[in-house]
Amino acid sequence: MPKKKAGNKLPPFVALTLGMLNSKAFIALPYAAAKMLPYFVAKVKVPYHDPSRCNTSFTFAFSEARRYGCARSTFSQVIRDLMRYGFIDPVKKGGLRGTGLTSSSFKLSRRWESYGTSAFKEIRWESFLNG
């Protein structure tokens, strides 16, 4: 069996395209949200060009954000900002359910592409209702 060449394989990375980085939405995004965006993008384990990428839901818990150096109150604002600027969409609000906590669910969004235009559809966490 031939040996695999270690030098030919890229280490794991998160694809943030130049289009995204140069967009009006990313430029306007507050610092904490911009810093956490790659972690949200990395949650979706679907290839970049796969059409189902923005339909794949994922959870992101407060405890997970804390491991990346994001305080609980800051993480709440990060979620609101990423929605407000069009990078994520809400799927389900978590919270107290029965005997424990449940995580909120999100999906990636491409609304950021139309940020700053009349075609942009704003979604706010505060006005999102499950179901």
N, C-alpha and C. Protein backbone atom coordinates (compact mmCIF):
# COMPACT_ATOMS: atom_id res chain seq x y z
N MET A 1 0.84 -1.17 0.00
CA MET A 1 0.00 0.00 0.00
C MET A 1 0.90 1.24 0.00
N PRO A 2 0.65 2.19 -0.95
CA PRO A 2 1.51 3.38 -1.01
C PRO A 2 1.25 4.31 0.17
N LYS A 3 2.32 5.00 0.57
CA LYS A 3 2.20 5.97 1.66
C LYS A 3 1.51 7.23 1.16
N LYS A 4 0.73 7.82 2.05
CA LYS A 4 0.11 9.11 1.72
C LYS A 4 1.12 10.21 2.00
N LYS A 5 1.15 11.18 1.13
CA LYS A 5 2.05 12.31 1.32
C LYS A 5 1.37 13.32 2.22
N ALA A 6 1.96 13.58 3.36
CA ALA A 6 1.37 14.48 4.34
C ALA A 6 1.35 15.92 3.85
N GLY A 7 2.26 16.30 2.99
CA GLY A 7 2.36 17.68 2.53
C GLY A 7 1.32 18.09 1.52
N ASN A 8 0.56 17.14 0.93
CA ASN A 8 -0.41 17.46 -0.11
C ASN A 8 -1.80 17.79 0.41
N LYS A 9 -2.04 17.56 1.67
CA LYS A 9 -3.38 17.76 2.22
C LYS A 9 -3.43 19.03 3.07
N LEU A 10 -4.46 19.81 2.83
CA LEU A 10 -4.65 21.03 3.61
C LEU A 10 -5.19 20.68 4.99
N PRO A 11 -4.81 21.43 6.00
CA PRO A 11 -5.42 21.23 7.31
C PRO A 11 -6.87 21.70 7.27
N PRO A 12 -7.69 21.30 8.23
CA PRO A 12 -9.08 21.77 8.23
C PRO A 12 -9.14 23.30 8.24
N PHE A 13 -10.09 23.85 7.49
CA PHE A 13 -10.24 25.30 7.43
C PHE A 13 -11.71 25.63 7.20
N VAL A 14 -12.05 26.89 7.40
CA VAL A 14 -13.41 27.38 7.18
C VAL A 14 -13.35 28.33 5.99
N ALA A 15 -14.20 28.10 5.01
CA ALA A 15 -14.20 28.92 3.80
C ALA A 15 -15.04 30.18 3.98
N LEU A 16 -14.36 31.30 4.14
CA LEU A 16 -15.00 32.62 4.11
C LEU A 16 -14.50 33.27 2.83
N THR A 17 -15.37 33.37 1.86
CA THR A 17 -14.95 33.87 0.55
C THR A 17 -14.64 35.36 0.60
N LEU A 18 -13.88 35.84 -0.39
CA LEU A 18 -13.60 37.27 -0.49
C LEU A 18 -14.88 38.05 -0.70
N GLY A 19 -15.84 37.45 -1.40
CA GLY A 19 -17.13 38.11 -1.59
C GLY A 19 -17.80 38.39 -0.25
N MET A 20 -17.71 37.44 0.65
CA MET A 20 -18.29 37.62 1.97
C MET A 20 -17.50 38.65 2.77
N LEU A 21 -16.18 38.53 2.77
CA LEU A 21 -15.34 39.44 3.54
C LEU A 21 -15.41 40.89 3.05
N ASN A 22 -15.65 41.07 1.77
CA ASN A 22 -15.73 42.42 1.21
C ASN A 22 -17.16 42.95 1.14
N SER A 23 -18.12 42.17 1.61
CA SER A 23 -19.53 42.58 1.53
C SER A 23 -19.83 43.72 2.51
N LYS A 24 -20.87 44.48 2.19
CA LYS A 24 -21.32 45.56 3.09
C LYS A 24 -21.71 44.99 4.44
N ALA A 25 -22.32 43.81 4.44
CA ALA A 25 -22.78 43.19 5.68
C ALA A 25 -21.60 42.85 6.59
N PHE A 26 -20.56 42.24 6.03
CA PHE A 26 -19.41 41.86 6.86
C PHE A 26 -18.66 43.09 7.37
N ILE A 27 -18.52 44.08 6.52
CA ILE A 27 -17.82 45.30 6.92
C ILE A 27 -18.57 46.00 8.06
N ALA A 28 -19.90 45.97 8.03
CA ALA A 28 -20.71 46.61 9.07
C ALA A 28 -20.87 45.74 10.31
N LEU A 29 -20.52 44.47 10.22
CA LEU A 29 -20.71 43.53 11.33
C LEU A 29 -19.84 43.91 12.52
N PRO A 30 -20.44 43.99 13.72
CA PRO A 30 -19.63 44.30 14.91
C PRO A 30 -18.52 43.27 15.13
N TYR A 31 -17.47 43.68 15.81
CA TYR A 31 -16.27 42.88 15.98
C TYR A 31 -16.54 41.49 16.56
N ALA A 32 -17.29 41.39 17.63
CA ALA A 32 -17.53 40.09 18.28
C ALA A 32 -18.25 39.13 17.33
N ALA A 33 -19.22 39.63 16.57
CA ALA A 33 -19.94 38.80 15.62
C ALA A 33 -19.03 38.35 14.48
N ALA A 34 -18.19 39.26 14.00
CA ALA A 34 -17.25 38.91 12.92
C ALA A 34 -16.26 37.85 13.40
N LYS A 35 -15.86 37.94 14.65
CA LYS A 35 -14.91 36.97 15.21
C LYS A 35 -15.56 35.59 15.38
N MET A 36 -16.86 35.55 15.69
CA MET A 36 -17.55 34.29 15.91
C MET A 36 -18.11 33.67 14.62
N LEU A 37 -18.26 34.47 13.55
CA LEU A 37 -18.83 33.98 12.30
C LEU A 37 -18.16 32.70 11.78
N PRO A 38 -16.83 32.59 11.76
CA PRO A 38 -16.22 31.35 11.26
C PRO A 38 -16.65 30.11 12.04
N TYR A 39 -16.90 30.26 13.33
CA TYR A 39 -17.34 29.11 14.13
C TYR A 39 -18.75 28.69 13.75
N PHE A 40 -19.61 29.64 13.41
CA PHE A 40 -20.95 29.31 12.93
C PHE A 40 -20.86 28.62 11.57
N VAL A 41 -20.06 29.15 10.67
CA VAL A 41 -19.90 28.57 9.34
C VAL A 41 -19.34 27.15 9.43
N ALA A 42 -18.42 26.94 10.37
CA ALA A 42 -17.80 25.62 10.52
C ALA A 42 -18.76 24.56 11.04
N LYS A 43 -19.86 24.96 11.64
CA LYS A 43 -20.83 24.01 12.18
C LYS A 43 -21.49 23.18 11.07
N VAL A 44 -21.59 23.74 9.88
CA VAL A 44 -22.23 23.04 8.76
C VAL A 44 -21.18 22.22 8.03
N LYS A 45 -21.33 20.93 8.08
CA LYS A 45 -20.35 20.01 7.49
C LYS A 45 -20.77 19.60 6.08
N VAL A 46 -21.23 20.56 5.30
CA VAL A 46 -21.67 20.33 3.93
C VAL A 46 -20.75 21.10 3.01
N PRO A 47 -20.33 20.53 1.87
CA PRO A 47 -19.43 21.25 0.96
C PRO A 47 -19.97 22.63 0.57
N TYR A 48 -19.07 23.55 0.34
CA TYR A 48 -19.42 24.95 0.09
C TYR A 48 -20.43 25.12 -1.05
N HIS A 49 -20.26 24.41 -2.15
CA HIS A 49 -21.12 24.60 -3.32
C HIS A 49 -22.37 23.72 -3.30
N ASP A 50 -22.56 22.91 -2.27
CA ASP A 50 -23.74 22.05 -2.16
C ASP A 50 -24.98 22.91 -1.92
N PRO A 51 -26.03 22.74 -2.74
CA PRO A 51 -27.25 23.55 -2.58
C PRO A 51 -27.93 23.39 -1.21
N SER A 52 -27.70 22.28 -0.54
CA SER A 52 -28.34 22.05 0.76
C SER A 52 -27.59 22.73 1.92
N ARG A 53 -26.49 23.39 1.61
CA ARG A 53 -25.68 24.01 2.66
C ARG A 53 -26.48 24.99 3.53
N CYS A 54 -27.29 25.82 2.92
CA CYS A 54 -28.07 26.81 3.67
C CYS A 54 -29.37 26.24 4.22
N ASN A 55 -29.65 24.97 3.96
CA ASN A 55 -30.84 24.32 4.50
C ASN A 55 -30.50 23.38 5.64
N THR A 56 -29.24 23.26 5.97
CA THR A 56 -28.79 22.36 7.02
C THR A 56 -28.80 23.10 8.35
N SER A 57 -29.61 22.60 9.29
CA SER A 57 -29.68 23.27 10.58
C SER A 57 -28.60 22.74 11.51
N PHE A 58 -28.21 23.59 12.46
CA PHE A 58 -27.18 23.23 13.44
C PHE A 58 -27.49 23.95 14.74
N THR A 59 -26.91 23.45 15.81
CA THR A 59 -27.06 24.11 17.10
C THR A 59 -25.73 24.74 17.50
N PHE A 60 -25.82 25.75 18.32
CA PHE A 60 -24.61 26.40 18.85
C PHE A 60 -24.94 26.82 20.27
N ALA A 61 -24.40 26.09 21.22
CA ALA A 61 -24.72 26.31 22.63
C ALA A 61 -23.85 27.41 23.24
N PHE A 62 -24.37 28.04 24.29
CA PHE A 62 -23.62 29.07 25.02
C PHE A 62 -22.32 28.49 25.57
N SER A 63 -22.35 27.24 26.03
CA SER A 63 -21.14 26.62 26.58
C SER A 63 -20.07 26.46 25.49
N GLU A 64 -20.50 26.19 24.29
CA GLU A 64 -19.57 26.08 23.17
C GLU A 64 -18.93 27.43 22.86
N ALA A 65 -19.74 28.47 22.86
CA ALA A 65 -19.23 29.82 22.60
C ALA A 65 -18.24 30.24 23.68
N ARG A 66 -18.49 29.84 24.90
CA ARG A 66 -17.59 30.18 26.01
C ARG A 66 -16.21 29.55 25.78
N ARG A 67 -16.17 28.35 25.20
CA ARG A 67 -14.87 27.71 24.89
C ARG A 67 -14.07 28.52 23.88
N TYR A 68 -14.75 29.30 23.05
CA TYR A 68 -14.07 30.14 22.06
C TYR A 68 -13.80 31.54 22.59
N GLY A 69 -14.05 31.75 23.89
CA GLY A 69 -13.75 33.03 24.52
C GLY A 69 -14.86 34.06 24.44
N CYS A 70 -16.08 33.62 24.20
CA CYS A 70 -17.20 34.53 24.06
C CYS A 70 -18.09 34.44 25.30
N ALA A 71 -18.28 35.55 25.99
CA ALA A 71 -19.12 35.60 27.19
C ALA A 71 -20.58 35.39 26.83
N ARG A 72 -21.36 34.94 27.81
CA ARG A 72 -22.77 34.64 27.58
C ARG A 72 -23.54 35.85 27.02
N SER A 73 -23.39 37.01 27.63
CA SER A 73 -24.12 38.20 27.16
C SER A 73 -23.62 38.63 25.77
N THR A 74 -22.34 38.47 25.52
CA THR A 74 -21.78 38.81 24.21
C THR A 74 -22.32 37.85 23.16
N PHE A 75 -22.43 36.56 23.51
CA PHE A 75 -22.93 35.57 22.56
C PHE A 75 -24.37 35.85 22.17
N SER A 76 -25.17 36.31 23.11
CA SER A 76 -26.56 36.69 22.79
C SER A 76 -26.57 37.80 21.75
N GLN A 77 -25.68 38.76 21.90
CA GLN A 77 -25.59 39.86 20.94
C GLN A 77 -25.04 39.37 19.59
N VAL A 78 -24.10 38.44 19.62
CA VAL A 78 -23.54 37.86 18.39
C VAL A 78 -24.66 37.21 17.57
N ILE A 79 -25.52 36.44 18.23
CA ILE A 79 -26.63 35.80 17.54
C ILE A 79 -27.52 36.85 16.89
N ARG A 80 -27.88 37.87 17.64
CA ARG A 80 -28.73 38.93 17.09
C ARG A 80 -28.06 39.63 15.91
N ASP A 81 -26.76 39.91 16.03
CA ASP A 81 -26.05 40.60 14.94
C ASP A 81 -25.92 39.73 13.69
N LEU A 82 -25.59 38.46 13.86
CA LEU A 82 -25.45 37.59 12.69
C LEU A 82 -26.77 37.43 11.95
N MET A 83 -27.87 37.46 12.68
CA MET A 83 -29.20 37.43 12.03
C MET A 83 -29.49 38.76 11.37
N ARG A 84 -29.25 39.84 12.09
CA ARG A 84 -29.57 41.18 11.60
C ARG A 84 -28.83 41.49 10.29
N TYR A 85 -27.60 41.03 10.16
CA TYR A 85 -26.80 41.31 8.96
C TYR A 85 -26.91 40.22 7.90
N GLY A 86 -27.70 39.19 8.15
CA GLY A 86 -28.02 38.19 7.12
C GLY A 86 -27.10 37.00 7.01
N PHE A 87 -26.32 36.67 8.03
CA PHE A 87 -25.41 35.53 7.95
C PHE A 87 -26.03 34.22 8.45
N ILE A 88 -26.96 34.32 9.38
CA ILE A 88 -27.66 33.11 9.87
C ILE A 88 -29.15 33.41 9.95
N ASP A 89 -29.95 32.36 9.90
CA ASP A 89 -31.39 32.44 10.08
C ASP A 89 -31.77 31.55 11.24
N PRO A 90 -32.78 31.94 12.02
CA PRO A 90 -33.22 31.10 13.14
C PRO A 90 -34.07 29.94 12.63
N VAL A 91 -33.95 28.81 13.31
CA VAL A 91 -34.80 27.65 13.03
C VAL A 91 -35.67 27.38 14.25
N LYS A 92 -35.06 27.37 15.43
CA LYS A 92 -35.78 27.08 16.67
C LYS A 92 -35.09 27.78 17.83
N LYS A 93 -35.89 28.44 18.67
CA LYS A 93 -35.35 29.05 19.88
C LYS A 93 -35.25 28.00 20.97
N GLY A 94 -34.11 27.96 21.63
CA GLY A 94 -33.93 27.05 22.75
C GLY A 94 -34.34 27.72 24.04
N GLY A 95 -34.01 27.08 25.13
CA GLY A 95 -34.32 27.65 26.44
C GLY A 95 -34.68 26.56 27.42
N LEU A 96 -35.43 26.92 28.43
CA LEU A 96 -35.86 25.94 29.43
C LEU A 96 -36.95 25.06 28.84
N ARG A 97 -36.71 23.80 28.83
CA ARG A 97 -37.68 22.82 28.34
C ARG A 97 -37.65 21.64 29.30
N GLY A 98 -38.70 21.42 30.02
CA GLY A 98 -38.76 20.28 30.92
C GLY A 98 -37.74 20.40 32.04
N THR A 99 -36.82 19.45 32.07
CA THR A 99 -35.83 19.43 33.16
C THR A 99 -34.49 20.03 32.78
N GLY A 100 -34.32 20.44 31.55
CA GLY A 100 -33.00 20.96 31.17
C GLY A 100 -33.08 22.05 30.14
N LEU A 101 -31.93 22.45 29.67
CA LEU A 101 -31.82 23.50 28.66
C LEU A 101 -31.74 22.87 27.28
N THR A 102 -32.31 23.53 26.30
CA THR A 102 -32.14 23.09 24.92
C THR A 102 -31.43 24.20 24.16
N SER A 103 -30.69 23.81 23.16
CA SER A 103 -29.95 24.78 22.35
C SER A 103 -30.84 25.33 21.24
N SER A 104 -30.55 26.52 20.83
CA SER A 104 -31.24 27.11 19.69
C SER A 104 -30.67 26.50 18.41
N SER A 105 -31.49 26.44 17.38
CA SER A 105 -31.06 25.92 16.08
C SER A 105 -31.03 27.05 15.07
N PHE A 106 -30.07 26.97 14.18
CA PHE A 106 -29.88 27.99 13.15
C PHE A 106 -29.59 27.31 11.83
N LYS A 107 -29.58 28.09 10.76
CA LYS A 107 -29.05 27.64 9.47
C LYS A 107 -28.33 28.83 8.85
N LEU A 108 -27.36 28.53 8.01
CA LEU A 108 -26.63 29.60 7.33
C LEU A 108 -27.56 30.29 6.35
N SER A 109 -27.31 31.55 6.10
CA SER A 109 -28.14 32.32 5.19
C SER A 109 -27.25 33.06 4.19
N ARG A 110 -27.84 33.36 3.07
CA ARG A 110 -27.13 34.18 2.07
C ARG A 110 -27.78 35.56 1.95
N ARG A 111 -28.59 35.92 2.94
CA ARG A 111 -29.22 37.24 2.93
C ARG A 111 -28.20 38.35 2.96
N TRP A 112 -27.00 38.07 3.51
CA TRP A 112 -25.94 39.08 3.60
C TRP A 112 -25.58 39.65 2.23
N GLU A 113 -25.81 38.87 1.18
CA GLU A 113 -25.44 39.32 -0.17
C GLU A 113 -26.25 40.55 -0.59
N SER A 114 -27.47 40.69 -0.06
CA SER A 114 -28.31 41.83 -0.44
C SER A 114 -28.39 42.89 0.67
N TYR A 115 -27.54 42.77 1.69
CA TYR A 115 -27.53 43.75 2.78
C TYR A 115 -27.25 45.14 2.23
N GLY A 116 -28.00 46.11 2.69
CA GLY A 116 -27.81 47.49 2.24
C GLY A 116 -28.60 47.84 0.99
N THR A 117 -29.39 46.88 0.48
CA THR A 117 -30.23 47.15 -0.68
C THR A 117 -31.70 47.03 -0.27
N SER A 118 -32.59 47.43 -1.15
CA SER A 118 -34.02 47.33 -0.86
C SER A 118 -34.49 45.88 -0.86
N ALA A 119 -33.71 44.97 -1.44
CA ALA A 119 -34.09 43.56 -1.48
C ALA A 119 -33.77 42.82 -0.18
N PHE A 120 -33.02 43.46 0.71
CA PHE A 120 -32.62 42.80 1.96
C PHE A 120 -33.82 42.59 2.87
N LYS A 121 -33.97 41.38 3.36
CA LYS A 121 -35.04 41.03 4.29
C LYS A 121 -34.43 40.91 5.68
N GLU A 122 -34.81 41.81 6.57
CA GLU A 122 -34.24 41.81 7.92
C GLU A 122 -35.01 40.83 8.80
N ILE A 123 -34.27 40.04 9.57
CA ILE A 123 -34.85 39.11 10.54
C ILE A 123 -34.22 39.42 11.89
N ARG A 124 -35.08 39.59 12.88
CA ARG A 124 -34.60 39.89 14.24
C ARG A 124 -34.93 38.72 15.16
N TRP A 125 -33.98 38.36 15.99
CA TRP A 125 -34.11 37.28 16.96
C TRP A 125 -35.28 37.54 17.90
N GLU A 126 -35.43 38.78 18.31
CA GLU A 126 -36.47 39.13 19.27
C GLU A 126 -37.88 38.88 18.71
N SER A 127 -38.07 39.02 17.41
CA SER A 127 -39.40 38.84 16.82
C SER A 127 -39.60 37.45 16.22
N PHE A 128 -38.59 36.58 16.32
CA PHE A 128 -38.72 35.23 15.78
C PHE A 128 -39.51 34.36 16.75
N LEU A 129 -40.51 33.69 16.22
CA LEU A 129 -41.31 32.75 17.01
C LEU A 129 -41.11 31.36 16.45
N ASN A 130 -40.95 30.34 17.31
CA ASN A 130 -40.82 28.96 16.84
C ASN A 130 -42.05 28.56 16.03
N GLY A 131 -41.75 27.74 15.02
CA GLY A 131 -42.83 27.16 14.24
C GLY A 131 -43.37 28.13 13.29
